[in-house]
Full PDB file with SEQRES, HELIX, SHEET, SSBOND, CRYST1, ORIGX, SCALE, CONECT and MASTER records, all heavy atoms in Angstrom:
SEQRES   1 A   43  LYS TYR ARG ARG ASN GLY ASN LEU ASP THR VAL LEU LYS          
SEQRES   2 A   43  ASN LEU GLU ASN ILE ILE LYS ILE LYS LYS GLN ASN LYS          
SEQRES   3 A   43  LEU GLN TYR PRO ILE ILE GLN ALA ARG MET LEU VAL MET          
SEQRES   4 A   43  LYS HIS ASN GLU                                              
HELIX    1 AA1 LEU A    8  GLN A   24  1                                  17    
CRYST1    1.000    1.000    1.000  90.00  90.00  90.00 P 1           1          
ORIGX1      1.000000  0.000000  0.000000        0.00000                         
ORIGX2      0.000000  1.000000  0.000000        0.00000                         
ORIGX3      0.000000  0.000000  1.000000        0.00000                         
SCALE1      1.000000  0.000000  0.000000        0.00000                         
SCALE2      0.000000  1.000000  0.000000        0.00000                         
SCALE3      0.000000  0.000000  1.000000        0.00000                         
ATOM      1  N   LYS A   1      41.862 196.444 214.637  1.00  0.00           N  
ATOM      2  CA  LYS A   1      41.690 195.182 213.924  1.00  0.00           C  
ATOM      3  C   LYS A   1      43.027 194.701 213.371  1.00  0.00           C  
ATOM      4  O   LYS A   1      43.316 193.493 213.346  1.00  0.00           O  
ATOM      5  CB  LYS A   1      40.676 195.325 212.796  1.00  0.00           C  
ATOM      6  CG  LYS A   1      40.349 193.997 212.084  1.00  0.00           C  
ATOM      7  CD  LYS A   1      39.228 194.150 211.085  1.00  0.00           C  
ATOM      8  CE  LYS A   1      38.935 192.829 210.377  1.00  0.00           C  
ATOM      9  NZ  LYS A   1      38.447 191.787 211.306  1.00  0.00           N  
ATOM     10  N   TYR A   2      43.872 195.647 212.931  1.00  0.00           N  
ATOM     11  CA  TYR A   2      45.222 195.290 212.477  1.00  0.00           C  
ATOM     12  C   TYR A   2      46.267 195.655 213.524  1.00  0.00           C  
ATOM     13  O   TYR A   2      47.129 194.846 213.857  1.00  0.00           O  
ATOM     14  CB  TYR A   2      45.549 195.966 211.153  1.00  0.00           C  
ATOM     15  CG  TYR A   2      46.916 195.547 210.639  1.00  0.00           C  
ATOM     16  CD1 TYR A   2      47.121 194.250 210.180  1.00  0.00           C  
ATOM     17  CD2 TYR A   2      47.999 196.416 210.653  1.00  0.00           C  
ATOM     18  CE1 TYR A   2      48.369 193.835 209.749  1.00  0.00           C  
ATOM     19  CE2 TYR A   2      49.244 196.013 210.222  1.00  0.00           C  
ATOM     20  CZ  TYR A   2      49.430 194.717 209.773  1.00  0.00           C  
ATOM     21  OH  TYR A   2      50.677 194.299 209.363  1.00  0.00           O  
ATOM     22  N   ARG A   3      46.212 196.882 214.052  1.00  0.00           N  
ATOM     23  CA  ARG A   3      47.189 197.334 215.058  1.00  0.00           C  
ATOM     24  C   ARG A   3      46.760 196.823 216.432  1.00  0.00           C  
ATOM     25  O   ARG A   3      46.362 197.581 217.314  1.00  0.00           O  
ATOM     26  CB  ARG A   3      47.302 198.854 215.039  1.00  0.00           C  
ATOM     27  CG  ARG A   3      47.748 199.435 213.719  1.00  0.00           C  
ATOM     28  CD  ARG A   3      49.201 199.147 213.426  1.00  0.00           C  
ATOM     29  NE  ARG A   3      49.546 199.502 212.045  1.00  0.00           N  
ATOM     30  CZ  ARG A   3      50.744 199.346 211.517  1.00  0.00           C  
ATOM     31  NH1 ARG A   3      51.721 198.831 212.248  1.00  0.00           N  
ATOM     32  NH2 ARG A   3      50.974 199.664 210.264  1.00  0.00           N  
ATOM     33  N   ARG A   4      46.876 195.525 216.597  1.00  0.00           N  
ATOM     34  CA  ARG A   4      46.411 194.884 217.822  1.00  0.00           C  
ATOM     35  C   ARG A   4      47.273 195.287 219.019  1.00  0.00           C  
ATOM     36  O   ARG A   4      48.484 195.334 218.928  1.00  0.00           O  
ATOM     37  CB  ARG A   4      46.396 193.367 217.639  1.00  0.00           C  
ATOM     38  CG  ARG A   4      45.379 192.948 216.569  1.00  0.00           C  
ATOM     39  CD  ARG A   4      45.375 191.464 216.298  1.00  0.00           C  
ATOM     40  NE  ARG A   4      44.445 191.155 215.203  1.00  0.00           N  
ATOM     41  CZ  ARG A   4      44.291 189.948 214.665  1.00  0.00           C  
ATOM     42  NH1 ARG A   4      45.011 188.929 215.129  1.00  0.00           N  
ATOM     43  NH2 ARG A   4      43.431 189.762 213.675  1.00  0.00           N  
ATOM     44  N   ASN A   5      46.604 195.583 220.115  1.00  0.00           N  
ATOM     45  CA  ASN A   5      47.198 196.133 221.340  1.00  0.00           C  
ATOM     46  C   ASN A   5      47.464 197.627 221.233  1.00  0.00           C  
ATOM     47  O   ASN A   5      48.007 198.225 222.170  1.00  0.00           O  
ATOM     48  CB  ASN A   5      48.504 195.428 221.738  1.00  0.00           C  
ATOM     49  CG  ASN A   5      48.299 194.003 222.191  1.00  0.00           C  
ATOM     50  OD1 ASN A   5      47.169 193.556 222.385  1.00  0.00           O  
ATOM     51  ND2 ASN A   5      49.389 193.270 222.364  1.00  0.00           N  
ATOM     52  N   GLY A   6      47.096 198.236 220.116  1.00  0.00           N  
ATOM     53  CA  GLY A   6      47.321 199.661 219.937  1.00  0.00           C  
ATOM     54  C   GLY A   6      46.147 200.495 220.400  1.00  0.00           C  
ATOM     55  O   GLY A   6      45.011 200.021 220.488  1.00  0.00           O  
ATOM     56  N   ASN A   7      46.416 201.773 220.705  1.00  0.00           N  
ATOM     57  CA  ASN A   7      45.385 202.704 221.153  1.00  0.00           C  
ATOM     58  C   ASN A   7      45.425 203.948 220.276  1.00  0.00           C  
ATOM     59  O   ASN A   7      46.420 204.689 220.284  1.00  0.00           O  
ATOM     60  CB  ASN A   7      45.602 203.072 222.616  1.00  0.00           C  
ATOM     61  CG  ASN A   7      44.485 203.944 223.171  1.00  0.00           C  
ATOM     62  OD1 ASN A   7      44.413 205.124 222.868  1.00  0.00           O  
ATOM     63  ND2 ASN A   7      43.620 203.351 223.985  1.00  0.00           N  
ATOM     64  N   LEU A   8      44.371 204.167 219.519  1.00  0.00           N  
ATOM     65  CA  LEU A   8      44.338 205.272 218.560  1.00  0.00           C  
ATOM     66  C   LEU A   8      44.429 206.624 219.254  1.00  0.00           C  
ATOM     67  O   LEU A   8      45.109 207.533 218.769  1.00  0.00           O  
ATOM     68  CB  LEU A   8      43.074 205.187 217.706  1.00  0.00           C  
ATOM     69  CG  LEU A   8      42.908 206.268 216.637  1.00  0.00           C  
ATOM     70  CD1 LEU A   8      44.063 206.247 215.644  1.00  0.00           C  
ATOM     71  CD2 LEU A   8      41.575 206.098 215.905  1.00  0.00           C  
ATOM     72  N   ASP A   9      43.762 206.778 220.383  1.00  0.00           N  
ATOM     73  CA  ASP A   9      43.829 208.058 221.101  1.00  0.00           C  
ATOM     74  C   ASP A   9      45.254 208.392 221.505  1.00  0.00           C  
ATOM     75  O   ASP A   9      45.689 209.549 221.433  1.00  0.00           O  
ATOM     76  CB  ASP A   9      42.925 208.015 222.341  1.00  0.00           C  
ATOM     77  CG  ASP A   9      41.442 208.067 221.990  1.00  0.00           C  
ATOM     78  OD1 ASP A   9      41.121 208.499 220.871  1.00  0.00           O  
ATOM     79  OD2 ASP A   9      40.617 207.678 222.847  1.00  0.00           O  
ATOM     80  N   THR A  10      46.003 207.372 221.931  1.00  0.00           N  
ATOM     81  CA  THR A  10      47.407 207.585 222.310  1.00  0.00           C  
ATOM     82  C   THR A  10      48.231 208.022 221.105  1.00  0.00           C  
ATOM     83  O   THR A  10      49.062 208.941 221.191  1.00  0.00           O  
ATOM     84  CB  THR A  10      48.002 206.303 222.907  1.00  0.00           C  
ATOM     85  OG1 THR A  10      47.266 205.930 224.074  1.00  0.00           O  
ATOM     86  CG2 THR A  10      49.466 206.488 223.272  1.00  0.00           C  
ATOM     87  N   VAL A  11      47.996 207.380 219.967  1.00  0.00           N  
ATOM     88  CA  VAL A  11      48.708 207.738 218.733  1.00  0.00           C  
ATOM     89  C   VAL A  11      48.451 209.192 218.368  1.00  0.00           C  
ATOM     90  O   VAL A  11      49.391 209.960 218.087  1.00  0.00           O  
ATOM     91  CB  VAL A  11      48.278 206.817 217.573  1.00  0.00           C  
ATOM     92  CG1 VAL A  11      48.943 207.259 216.268  1.00  0.00           C  
ATOM     93  CG2 VAL A  11      48.610 205.367 217.867  1.00  0.00           C  
ATOM     94  N   LEU A  12      47.192 209.580 218.363  1.00  0.00           N  
ATOM     95  CA  LEU A  12      46.833 210.940 217.942  1.00  0.00           C  
ATOM     96  C   LEU A  12      47.349 211.973 218.935  1.00  0.00           C  
ATOM     97  O   LEU A  12      47.798 213.058 218.540  1.00  0.00           O  
ATOM     98  CB  LEU A  12      45.315 211.044 217.791  1.00  0.00           C  
ATOM     99  CG  LEU A  12      44.702 210.139 216.714  1.00  0.00           C  
ATOM    100  CD1 LEU A  12      43.197 210.334 216.641  1.00  0.00           C  
ATOM    101  CD2 LEU A  12      45.333 210.389 215.354  1.00  0.00           C  
ATOM    102  N   LYS A  13      47.294 211.642 220.239  1.00  0.00           N  
ATOM    103  CA  LYS A  13      47.821 212.567 221.247  1.00  0.00           C  
ATOM    104  C   LYS A  13      49.319 212.776 221.042  1.00  0.00           C  
ATOM    105  O   LYS A  13      49.811 213.920 221.073  1.00  0.00           O  
ATOM    106  CB  LYS A  13      47.553 212.003 222.642  1.00  0.00           C  
ATOM    107  CG  LYS A  13      48.079 212.894 223.776  1.00  0.00           C  
ATOM    108  CD  LYS A  13      48.045 212.179 225.113  1.00  0.00           C  
ATOM    109  CE  LYS A  13      49.087 211.069 225.176  1.00  0.00           C  
ATOM    110  NZ  LYS A  13      49.172 210.429 226.527  1.00  0.00           N  
ATOM    111  N   ASN A  14      50.045 211.693 220.813  1.00  0.00           N  
ATOM    112  CA  ASN A  14      51.487 211.808 220.584  1.00  0.00           C  
ATOM    113  C   ASN A  14      51.795 212.582 219.313  1.00  0.00           C  
ATOM    114  O   ASN A  14      52.729 213.398 219.275  1.00  0.00           O  
ATOM    115  CB  ASN A  14      52.112 210.420 220.514  1.00  0.00           C  
ATOM    116  CG  ASN A  14      52.228 209.751 221.870  1.00  0.00           C  
ATOM    117  OD1 ASN A  14      52.373 210.419 222.891  1.00  0.00           O  
ATOM    118  ND2 ASN A  14      52.176 208.428 221.891  1.00  0.00           N  
ATOM    119  N   LEU A  15      51.028 212.321 218.260  1.00  0.00           N  
ATOM    120  CA  LEU A  15      51.270 213.012 216.998  1.00  0.00           C  
ATOM    121  C   LEU A  15      50.978 214.504 217.129  1.00  0.00           C  
ATOM    122  O   LEU A  15      51.732 215.343 216.605  1.00  0.00           O  
ATOM    123  CB  LEU A  15      50.409 212.390 215.893  1.00  0.00           C  
ATOM    124  CG  LEU A  15      50.591 212.959 214.489  1.00  0.00           C  
ATOM    125  CD1 LEU A  15      52.057 212.965 214.076  1.00  0.00           C  
ATOM    126  CD2 LEU A  15      49.764 212.153 213.479  1.00  0.00           C  
ATOM    127  N   GLU A  16      49.923 214.850 217.830  1.00  0.00           N  
ATOM    128  CA  GLU A  16      49.616 216.268 218.064  1.00  0.00           C  
ATOM    129  C   GLU A  16      50.746 216.943 218.834  1.00  0.00           C  
ATOM    130  O   GLU A  16      51.129 218.078 218.524  1.00  0.00           O  
ATOM    131  CB  GLU A  16      48.294 216.388 218.828  1.00  0.00           C  
ATOM    132  CG  GLU A  16      47.070 216.062 217.988  1.00  0.00           C  
ATOM    133  CD  GLU A  16      45.802 215.993 218.819  1.00  0.00           C  
ATOM    134  OE1 GLU A  16      45.898 216.045 220.074  1.00  0.00           O  
ATOM    135  OE2 GLU A  16      44.711 215.880 218.228  1.00  0.00           O  
ATOM    136  N   ASN A  17      51.287 216.242 219.829  1.00  0.00           N  
ATOM    137  CA  ASN A  17      52.401 216.804 220.601  1.00  0.00           C  
ATOM    138  C   ASN A  17      53.644 216.984 219.738  1.00  0.00           C  
ATOM    139  O   ASN A  17      54.363 217.986 219.851  1.00  0.00           O  
ATOM    140  CB  ASN A  17      52.724 215.897 221.793  1.00  0.00           C  
ATOM    141  CG  ASN A  17      51.701 216.001 222.909  1.00  0.00           C  
ATOM    142  OD1 ASN A  17      50.988 216.999 223.011  1.00  0.00           O  
ATOM    143  ND2 ASN A  17      51.625 214.978 223.748  1.00  0.00           N  
ATOM    144  N   ILE A  18      53.902 216.030 218.869  1.00  0.00           N  
ATOM    145  CA  ILE A  18      55.060 216.110 217.975  1.00  0.00           C  
ATOM    146  C   ILE A  18      54.943 217.317 217.044  1.00  0.00           C  
ATOM    147  O   ILE A  18      55.906 218.075 216.850  1.00  0.00           O  
ATOM    148  CB  ILE A  18      55.193 214.803 217.176  1.00  0.00           C  
ATOM    149  CG1 ILE A  18      55.766 213.700 218.068  1.00  0.00           C  
ATOM    150  CG2 ILE A  18      56.058 214.991 215.932  1.00  0.00           C  
ATOM    151  CD1 ILE A  18      55.762 212.330 217.443  1.00  0.00           C  
ATOM    152  N   ILE A  19      53.766 217.494 216.469  1.00  0.00           N  
ATOM    153  CA  ILE A  19      53.547 218.625 215.563  1.00  0.00           C  
ATOM    154  C   ILE A  19      53.685 219.944 216.320  1.00  0.00           C  
ATOM    155  O   ILE A  19      54.253 220.924 215.812  1.00  0.00           O  
ATOM    156  CB  ILE A  19      52.166 218.496 214.886  1.00  0.00           C  
ATOM    157  CG1 ILE A  19      52.173 217.284 213.949  1.00  0.00           C  
ATOM    158  CG2 ILE A  19      51.809 219.771 214.129  1.00  0.00           C  
ATOM    159  CD1 ILE A  19      50.816 216.913 213.413  1.00  0.00           C  
ATOM    160  N   LYS A  20      53.187 219.971 217.554  1.00  0.00           N  
ATOM    161  CA  LYS A  20      53.301 221.163 218.390  1.00  0.00           C  
ATOM    162  C   LYS A  20      54.765 221.473 218.689  1.00  0.00           C  
ATOM    163  O   LYS A  20      55.202 222.630 218.598  1.00  0.00           O  
ATOM    164  CB  LYS A  20      52.527 220.947 219.694  1.00  0.00           C  
ATOM    165  CG  LYS A  20      52.565 222.128 220.652  1.00  0.00           C  
ATOM    166  CD  LYS A  20      51.773 221.813 221.921  1.00  0.00           C  
ATOM    167  CE  LYS A  20      51.846 222.963 222.917  1.00  0.00           C  
ATOM    168  NZ  LYS A  20      51.108 222.645 224.170  1.00  0.00           N  
ATOM    169  N   ILE A  21      55.538 220.449 219.042  1.00  0.00           N  
ATOM    170  CA  ILE A  21      56.962 220.635 219.335  1.00  0.00           C  
ATOM    171  C   ILE A  21      57.704 221.145 218.098  1.00  0.00           C  
ATOM    172  O   ILE A  21      58.548 222.052 218.186  1.00  0.00           O  
ATOM    173  CB  ILE A  21      57.582 219.307 219.817  1.00  0.00           C  
ATOM    174  CG1 ILE A  21      56.999 218.903 221.165  1.00  0.00           C  
ATOM    175  CG2 ILE A  21      59.102 219.418 219.912  1.00  0.00           C  
ATOM    176  CD1 ILE A  21      57.312 217.480 221.563  1.00  0.00           C  
ATOM    177  N   LYS A  22      57.387 220.596 216.945  1.00  0.00           N  
ATOM    178  CA  LYS A  22      58.033 221.018 215.705  1.00  0.00           C  
ATOM    179  C   LYS A  22      57.751 222.493 215.423  1.00  0.00           C  
ATOM    180  O   LYS A  22      58.660 223.256 215.058  1.00  0.00           O  
ATOM    181  CB  LYS A  22      57.550 220.151 214.536  1.00  0.00           C  
ATOM    182  CG  LYS A  22      58.169 220.530 213.195  1.00  0.00           C  
ATOM    183  CD  LYS A  22      57.621 219.684 212.062  1.00  0.00           C  
ATOM    184  CE  LYS A  22      58.175 220.167 210.722  1.00  0.00           C  
ATOM    185  NZ  LYS A  22      57.637 219.392 209.576  1.00  0.00           N  
ATOM    186  N   LYS A  23      56.497 222.915 215.626  1.00  0.00           N  
ATOM    187  CA  LYS A  23      56.129 224.316 215.368  1.00  0.00           C  
ATOM    188  C   LYS A  23      56.769 225.239 216.393  1.00  0.00           C  
ATOM    189  O   LYS A  23      57.289 226.318 216.043  1.00  0.00           O  
ATOM    190  CB  LYS A  23      54.608 224.459 215.384  1.00  0.00           C  
ATOM    191  CG  LYS A  23      53.915 223.844 214.177  1.00  0.00           C  
ATOM    192  CD  LYS A  23      52.414 224.056 214.236  1.00  0.00           C  
ATOM    193  CE  LYS A  23      51.729 223.486 212.997  1.00  0.00           C  
ATOM    194  NZ  LYS A  23      50.245 223.674 213.051  1.00  0.00           N  
ATOM    195  N   GLN A  24      56.730 224.849 217.660  1.00  0.00           N  
ATOM    196  CA  GLN A  24      57.288 225.703 218.717  1.00  0.00           C  
ATOM    197  C   GLN A  24      58.783 225.933 218.518  1.00  0.00           C  
ATOM    198  O   GLN A  24      59.303 227.009 218.819  1.00  0.00           O  
ATOM    199  CB  GLN A  24      57.031 225.074 220.082  1.00  0.00           C  
ATOM    200  CG  GLN A  24      55.588 225.169 220.550  1.00  0.00           C  
ATOM    201  CD  GLN A  24      55.368 224.479 221.891  1.00  0.00           C  
ATOM    202  OE1 GLN A  24      56.159 223.633 222.314  1.00  0.00           O  
ATOM    203  NE2 GLN A  24      54.277 224.837 222.561  1.00  0.00           N  
ATOM    204  N   ASN A  25      59.469 224.923 218.021  1.00  0.00           N  
ATOM    205  CA  ASN A  25      60.911 225.024 217.806  1.00  0.00           C  
ATOM    206  C   ASN A  25      61.265 225.504 216.405  1.00  0.00           C  
ATOM    207  O   ASN A  25      62.446 225.578 216.062  1.00  0.00           O  
ATOM    208  CB  ASN A  25      61.568 223.677 218.086  1.00  0.00           C  
ATOM    209  CG  ASN A  25      61.583 223.312 219.549  1.00  0.00           C  
ATOM    210  OD1 ASN A  25      62.478 223.676 220.291  1.00  0.00           O  
ATOM    211  ND2 ASN A  25      60.559 222.588 220.001  1.00  0.00           N  
ATOM    212  N   LYS A  26      60.231 225.810 215.608  1.00  0.00           N  
ATOM    213  CA  LYS A  26      60.402 226.322 214.247  1.00  0.00           C  
ATOM    214  C   LYS A  26      61.332 225.434 213.424  1.00  0.00           C  
ATOM    215  O   LYS A  26      62.273 225.902 212.773  1.00  0.00           O  
ATOM    216  CB  LYS A  26      60.931 227.760 214.289  1.00  0.00           C  
ATOM    217  CG  LYS A  26      59.982 228.726 214.984  1.00  0.00           C  
ATOM    218  CD  LYS A  26      60.531 230.151 215.012  1.00  0.00           C  
ATOM    219  CE  LYS A  26      59.555 231.087 215.713  1.00  0.00           C  
ATOM    220  NZ  LYS A  26      60.055 232.483 215.779  1.00  0.00           N  
ATOM    221  N   LEU A  27      61.055 224.123 213.485  1.00  0.00           N  
ATOM    222  CA  LEU A  27      61.878 223.144 212.792  1.00  0.00           C  
ATOM    223  C   LEU A  27      61.361 222.884 211.383  1.00  0.00           C  
ATOM    224  O   LEU A  27      60.146 222.765 211.176  1.00  0.00           O  
ATOM    225  CB  LEU A  27      61.889 221.820 213.569  1.00  0.00           C  
ATOM    226  CG  LEU A  27      62.428 221.867 215.004  1.00  0.00           C  
ATOM    227  CD1 LEU A  27      62.219 220.515 215.680  1.00  0.00           C  
ATOM    228  CD2 LEU A  27      63.896 222.248 215.010  1.00  0.00           C  
ATOM    229  N   GLN A  28      62.249 222.793 210.423  1.00  0.00           N  
ATOM    230  CA  GLN A  28      61.864 222.414 209.074  1.00  0.00           C  
ATOM    231  C   GLN A  28      61.620 220.906 208.993  1.00  0.00           C  
ATOM    232  O   GLN A  28      60.761 220.439 208.250  1.00  0.00           O  
ATOM    233  CB  GLN A  28      62.944 222.808 208.074  1.00  0.00           C  
ATOM    234  CG  GLN A  28      62.568 222.495 206.625  1.00  0.00           C  
ATOM    235  CD  GLN A  28      63.652 222.922 205.637  1.00  0.00           C  
ATOM    236  OE1 GLN A  28      64.715 223.376 206.054  1.00  0.00           O  
ATOM    237  NE2 GLN A  28      63.381 222.778 204.357  1.00  0.00           N  
ATOM    238  N   TYR A  29      62.387 220.182 209.785  1.00  0.00           N  
ATOM    239  CA  TYR A  29      62.282 218.724 209.815  1.00  0.00           C  
ATOM    240  C   TYR A  29      62.018 218.258 211.239  1.00  0.00           C  
ATOM    241  O   TYR A  29      62.347 218.972 212.186  1.00  0.00           O  
ATOM    242  CB  TYR A  29      63.578 218.095 209.267  1.00  0.00           C  
ATOM    243  CG  TYR A  29      63.850 218.468 207.833  1.00  0.00           C  
ATOM    244  CD1 TYR A  29      64.779 219.462 207.521  1.00  0.00           C  
ATOM    245  CD2 TYR A  29      63.157 217.847 206.792  1.00  0.00           C  
ATOM    246  CE1 TYR A  29      65.014 219.825 206.204  1.00  0.00           C  
ATOM    247  CE2 TYR A  29      63.390 218.207 205.482  1.00  0.00           C  
ATOM    248  CZ  TYR A  29      64.315 219.192 205.191  1.00  0.00           C  
ATOM    249  OH  TYR A  29      64.541 219.550 203.886  1.00  0.00           O  
ATOM    250  N   PRO A  30      61.411 217.087 211.383  1.00  0.00           N  
ATOM    251  CA  PRO A  30      61.161 216.072 210.357  1.00  0.00           C  
ATOM    252  C   PRO A  30      59.935 216.381 209.494  1.00  0.00           C  
ATOM    253  O   PRO A  30      58.994 217.033 209.946  1.00  0.00           O  
ATOM    254  CB  PRO A  30      60.903 214.803 211.181  1.00  0.00           C  
ATOM    255  CG  PRO A  30      60.279 215.320 212.446  1.00  0.00           C  
ATOM    256  CD  PRO A  30      60.996 216.604 212.728  1.00  0.00           C  
ATOM    257  N   ILE A  31      59.981 215.931 208.251  1.00  0.00           N  
ATOM    258  CA  ILE A  31      58.782 215.854 207.433  1.00  0.00           C  
ATOM    259  C   ILE A  31      57.880 214.815 208.105  1.00  0.00           C  
ATOM    260  O   ILE A  31      58.307 213.699 208.378  1.00  0.00           O  
ATOM    261  CB  ILE A  31      59.114 215.405 206.001  1.00  0.00           C  
ATOM    262  CG1 ILE A  31      60.060 216.407 205.335  1.00  0.00           C  
ATOM    263  CG2 ILE A  31      57.844 215.206 205.177  1.00  0.00           C  
ATOM    264  CD1 ILE A  31      60.750 215.860 204.110  1.00  0.00           C  
ATOM    265  N   ILE A  32      56.658 215.183 208.392  1.00  0.00           N  
ATOM    266  CA  ILE A  32      55.753 214.295 209.125  1.00  0.00           C  
ATOM    267  C   ILE A  32      54.719 213.715 208.166  1.00  0.00           C  
ATOM    268  O   ILE A  32      53.971 214.450 207.524  1.00  0.00           O  
ATOM    269  CB  ILE A  32      55.066 215.032 210.283  1.00  0.00           C  
ATOM    270  CG1 ILE A  32      56.129 215.541 211.270  1.00  0.00           C  
ATOM    271  CG2 ILE A  32      54.067 214.119 210.992  1.00  0.00           C  
ATOM    272  CD1 ILE A  32      55.575 216.385 212.399  1.00  0.00           C  
ATOM    273  N   GLN A  33      54.707 212.417 208.099  1.00  0.00           N  
ATOM    274  CA  GLN A  33      53.805 211.711 207.189  1.00  0.00           C  
ATOM    275  C   GLN A  33      52.897 210.774 207.975  1.00  0.00           C  
ATOM    276  O   GLN A  33      53.364 210.010 208.823  1.00  0.00           O  
ATOM    277  CB  GLN A  33      54.620 210.901 206.173  1.00  0.00           C  
ATOM    278  CG  GLN A  33      53.781 210.110 205.180  1.00  0.00           C  
ATOM    279  CD  GLN A  33      54.628 209.164 204.346  1.00  0.00           C  
ATOM    280  OE1 GLN A  33      54.667 207.970 204.578  1.00  0.00           O  
ATOM    281  NE2 GLN A  33      55.326 209.714 203.356  1.00  0.00           N  
ATOM    282  N   ALA A  34      51.604 210.862 207.713  1.00  0.00           N  
ATOM    283  CA  ALA A  34      50.647 209.900 208.265  1.00  0.00           C  
ATOM    284  C   ALA A  34      50.383 208.841 207.200  1.00  0.00           C  
ATOM    285  O   ALA A  34      50.154 209.172 206.037  1.00  0.00           O  
ATOM    286  CB  ALA A  34      49.345 210.597 208.650  1.00  0.00           C  
ATOM    287  N   ARG A  35      50.423 207.580 207.603  1.00  0.00           N  
ATOM    288  CA  ARG A  35      50.263 206.491 206.640  1.00  0.00           C  
ATOM    289  C   ARG A  35      49.137 205.552 207.054  1.00  0.00           C  
ATOM    290  O   ARG A  35      49.048 205.139 208.198  1.00  0.00           O  
ATOM    291  CB  ARG A  35      51.566 205.701 206.516  1.00  0.00           C  
ATOM    292  CG  ARG A  35      51.473 204.497 205.568  1.00  0.00           C  
ATOM    293  CD  ARG A  35      52.835 203.873 205.321  1.00  0.00           C  
ATOM    294  NE  ARG A  35      53.417 203.330 206.546  1.00  0.00           N  
ATOM    295  CZ  ARG A  35      54.664 202.862 206.632  1.00  0.00           C  
ATOM    296  NH1 ARG A  35      55.462 202.907 205.572  1.00  0.00           N  
ATOM    297  NH2 ARG A  35      55.126 202.378 207.767  1.00  0.00           N  
ATOM    298  N   MET A  36      48.300 205.244 206.085  1.00  0.00           N  
ATOM    299  CA  MET A  36      47.280 204.223 206.282  1.00  0.00           C  
ATOM    300  C   MET A  36      47.551 203.067 205.335  1.00  0.00           C  
ATOM    301  O   MET A  36      47.638 203.253 204.118  1.00  0.00           O  
ATOM    302  CB  MET A  36      45.871 204.765 206.010  1.00  0.00           C  
ATOM    303  CG  MET A  36      44.796 203.665 205.987  1.00  0.00           C  
ATOM    304  SD  MET A  36      43.163 204.215 205.428  1.00  0.00           S  
ATOM    305  CE  MET A  36      42.467 204.749 206.989  1.00  0.00           C  
ATOM    306  N   LEU A  37      47.741 201.864 205.881  1.00  0.00           N  
ATOM    307  CA  LEU A  37      47.794 200.672 205.055  1.00  0.00           C  
ATOM    308  C   LEU A  37      46.357 200.307 204.707  1.00  0.00           C  
ATOM    309  O   LEU A  37      45.560 199.988 205.594  1.00  0.00           O  
ATOM    310  CB  LEU A  37      48.485 199.529 205.794  1.00  0.00           C  
ATOM    311  CG  LEU A  37      49.950 199.744 206.165  1.00  0.00           C  
ATOM    312  CD1 LEU A  37      50.503 198.515 206.872  1.00  0.00           C  
ATOM    313  CD2 LEU A  37      50.781 200.064 204.932  1.00  0.00           C  
ATOM    314  N   VAL A  38      46.037 200.363 203.430  1.00  0.00           N  
ATOM    315  CA  VAL A  38      44.648 200.181 202.999  1.00  0.00           C  
ATOM    316  C   VAL A  38      44.304 198.691 202.942  1.00  0.00           C  
ATOM    317  O   VAL A  38      44.935 197.924 202.211  1.00  0.00           O  
ATOM    318  CB  VAL A  38      44.407 200.843 201.634  1.00  0.00           C  
ATOM    319  CG1 VAL A  38      42.950 200.659 201.207  1.00  0.00           C  
ATOM    320  CG2 VAL A  38      44.755 202.333 201.688  1.00  0.00           C  
ATOM    321  N   MET A  39      43.317 198.308 203.734  1.00  0.00           N  
ATOM    322  CA  MET A  39      42.854 196.929 203.794  1.00  0.00           C  
ATOM    323  C   MET A  39      41.337 196.897 203.686  1.00  0.00           C  
ATOM    324  O   MET A  39      40.683 197.944 203.717  1.00  0.00           O  
ATOM    325  CB  MET A  39      43.333 196.278 205.099  1.00  0.00           C  
ATOM    326  CG  MET A  39      44.851 196.121 205.189  1.00  0.00           C  
ATOM    327  SD  MET A  39      45.456 195.658 206.837  1.00  0.00           S  
ATOM    328  CE  MET A  39      45.741 197.283 207.564  1.00  0.00           C  
ATOM    329  N   LYS A  40      40.802 195.707 203.577  1.00  0.00           N  
ATOM    330  CA  LYS A  40      39.360 195.581 203.373  1.00  0.00           C  
ATOM    331  C   LYS A  40      38.570 196.215 204.513  1.00  0.00           C  
ATOM    332  O   LYS A  40      37.543 196.854 204.297  1.00  0.00           O  
ATOM    333  CB  LYS A  40      38.975 194.105 203.224  1.00  0.00           C  
ATOM    334  CG  LYS A  40      37.493 193.884 202.920  1.00  0.00           C  
ATOM    335  CD  LYS A  40      37.154 192.418 202.751  1.00  0.00           C  
ATOM    336  CE  LYS A  40      37.750 191.857 201.480  1.00  0.00           C  
ATOM    337  NZ  LYS A  40      37.335 190.454 201.222  1.00  0.00           N  
ATOM    338  N   HIS A  41      39.065 196.062 205.722  1.00  0.00           N  
ATOM    339  CA  HIS A  41      38.293 196.521 206.879  1.00  0.00           C  
ATOM    340  C   HIS A  41      38.377 198.028 207.107  1.00  0.00           C  
ATOM    341  O   HIS A  41      37.602 198.575 207.895  1.00  0.00           O  
ATOM    342  CB  HIS A  41      38.747 195.793 208.145  1.00  0.00           C  
ATOM    343  CG  HIS A  41      40.110 196.187 208.607  1.00  0.00           C  
ATOM    344  ND1 HIS A  41      41.257 195.620 208.090  1.00  0.00           N  
ATOM    345  CD2 HIS A  41      40.531 197.102 209.531  1.00  0.00           C  
ATOM    346  CE1 HIS A  41      42.309 196.157 208.683  1.00  0.00           C  
ATOM    347  NE2 HIS A  41      41.898 197.048 209.551  1.00  0.00           N  
ATOM    348  N   ASN A  42      39.344 198.724 206.437  1.00  0.00           N  
ATOM    349  CA  ASN A  42      39.463 200.161 206.690  1.00  0.00           C  
ATOM    350  C   ASN A  42      39.345 201.029 205.441  1.00  0.00           C  
ATOM    351  O   ASN A  42      39.402 202.258 205.538  1.00  0.00           O  
ATOM    352  CB  ASN A  42      40.778 200.471 207.410  1.00  0.00           C  
ATOM    353  CG  ASN A  42      42.018 200.232 206.554  1.00  0.00           C  
ATOM    354  OD1 ASN A  42      41.932 199.933 205.374  1.00  0.00           O  
ATOM    355  ND2 ASN A  42      43.190 200.371 207.164  1.00  0.00           N  
ATOM    356  N   GLU A  43      39.169 200.427 204.264  1.00  0.00           N  
ATOM    357  CA  GLU A  43      39.165 201.231 203.040  1.00  0.00           C  
ATOM    358  C   GLU A  43      37.998 202.219 202.995  1.00  0.00           C  
ATOM    359  O   GLU A  43      38.077 203.238 202.304  1.00  0.00           O  
ATOM    360  CB  GLU A  43      39.173 200.344 201.794  1.00  0.00           C  
ATOM    361  CG  GLU A  43      37.996 199.426 201.630  1.00  0.00           C  
ATOM    362  CD  GLU A  43      38.138 198.540 200.386  1.00  0.00           C  
ATOM    363  OE1 GLU A  43      38.616 199.040 199.349  1.00  0.00           O  
ATOM    364  OE2 GLU A  43      37.779 197.362 200.466  1.00  0.00           O  
TER     365      GLU A  43                                                      
MASTER        0    0    0    1    0    0    0    6  364    1    0    4          
END                                                                             
């Protein structure tokens, strides 16, 4: 509704891969933050 042209499954797949890469390489960084912009349609 807000992220028009976006695909949530793609986002989550990429984020899971990023977290996996960070763990496999035993990296302290990046600090990974998930952000939700709170709006009427998603609160």
